[in-house]
Protein backbone atom coordinates (compact mmCIF):
# COMPACT_ATOMS: atom_id res chain seq x y z
CA MET A 1 0.01 0.13 0.14
CA LYS A 2 2.81 2.39 1.02
CA THR A 3 4.70 1.66 -2.16
CA LYS A 4 1.69 2.49 -4.40
CA PHE A 5 1.10 5.79 -2.64
CA LYS A 6 4.83 6.64 -3.00
CA ASP A 7 4.93 5.78 -6.72
CA PHE A 8 1.65 7.98 -7.22
CA LEU A 9 3.25 10.77 -5.39
CA LEU A 10 6.55 10.50 -7.22
CA TYR A 11 4.95 10.28 -10.77
CA SER A 12 2.41 12.99 -10.01
CA LEU A 13 5.31 15.66 -8.97
CA ALA A 14 7.49 14.43 -11.86
CA CYS A 15 4.50 15.44 -14.07
CA VAL A 16 3.93 18.66 -12.38
CA GLY A 17 7.78 19.47 -12.83
CA ALA A 18 7.77 18.38 -16.42
CA VAL A 19 4.88 20.66 -17.26
CA SER A 20 6.32 23.62 -15.41
CA LEU A 21 9.57 23.04 -17.31
CA LEU A 22 7.65 22.92 -20.60
CA LEU A 23 5.64 26.20 -19.81
CA SER A 24 8.74 28.02 -18.77
CA ALA A 25 10.45 27.05 -22.02
CA LEU A 26 7.41 28.18 -24.05
CA ASP A 27 7.17 31.37 -22.22
CA LYS A 28 8.77 33.98 -24.34
CA PRO A 29 9.73 37.37 -22.70
CA LYS A 30 7.99 40.42 -24.09
CA GLU A 31 10.06 42.91 -25.67
CA ASN A 32 9.98 46.34 -24.28
CA SER A 33 8.29 48.37 -27.16
CA GLN A 34 9.56 51.88 -27.29
CA ASN A 35 8.24 52.80 -24.03
CA ASP A 36 10.12 55.89 -22.97
CA TRP A 37 7.76 56.53 -19.97
CA ILE A 38 10.22 55.20 -17.28
CA TYR A 39 11.25 58.16 -15.34
CA ASN A 40 12.82 58.99 -11.90
CA ALA A 41 12.52 62.56 -11.10
CA VAL A 42 14.27 64.60 -8.30
CA ALA A 43 13.15 68.26 -7.27
CA SER A 44 14.97 70.95 -5.60
CA GLU A 45 15.01 74.52 -5.40
CA ALA A 46 17.13 74.77 -8.31
CA GLY A 47 15.29 72.90 -10.60
CA ILE A 48 13.82 69.44 -11.60
CA VAL A 49 16.29 66.57 -12.78
CA VAL A 50 14.52 63.89 -14.70
CA TYR A 51 16.38 60.59 -15.49
CA ASN A 52 14.83 58.28 -18.28
CA THR A 53 15.80 54.73 -16.98
CA TYR A 54 14.96 53.23 -20.50
CA ASN A 55 17.29 55.18 -22.70
CA GLY A 56 19.48 57.10 -19.94
CA SER A 57 18.72 60.52 -21.16
CA ILE A 58 18.73 63.23 -18.45
CA LYS A 59 16.70 66.47 -18.52
CA PHE A 60 17.18 69.39 -16.22
CA THR A 61 14.61 72.16 -15.97
CA HIS A 62 15.26 75.31 -14.01
CA LEU A 63 12.82 76.79 -11.70
CA LYS A 64 12.14 80.49 -11.85
């Protein structure tokens, strides 16, 4: 009785592992599509510094 349960548990977990490996191999990462809206901004008395983390551009705006 115990060996049947062990075999059932072993084979069922092996099937779950095989399915998860198959699904992870088929899952293709999505390419980042021209998304320039990834910003970090810091404000101070002198102005605002905006850093685009997607393409690395830095913009500085002076405050009046």
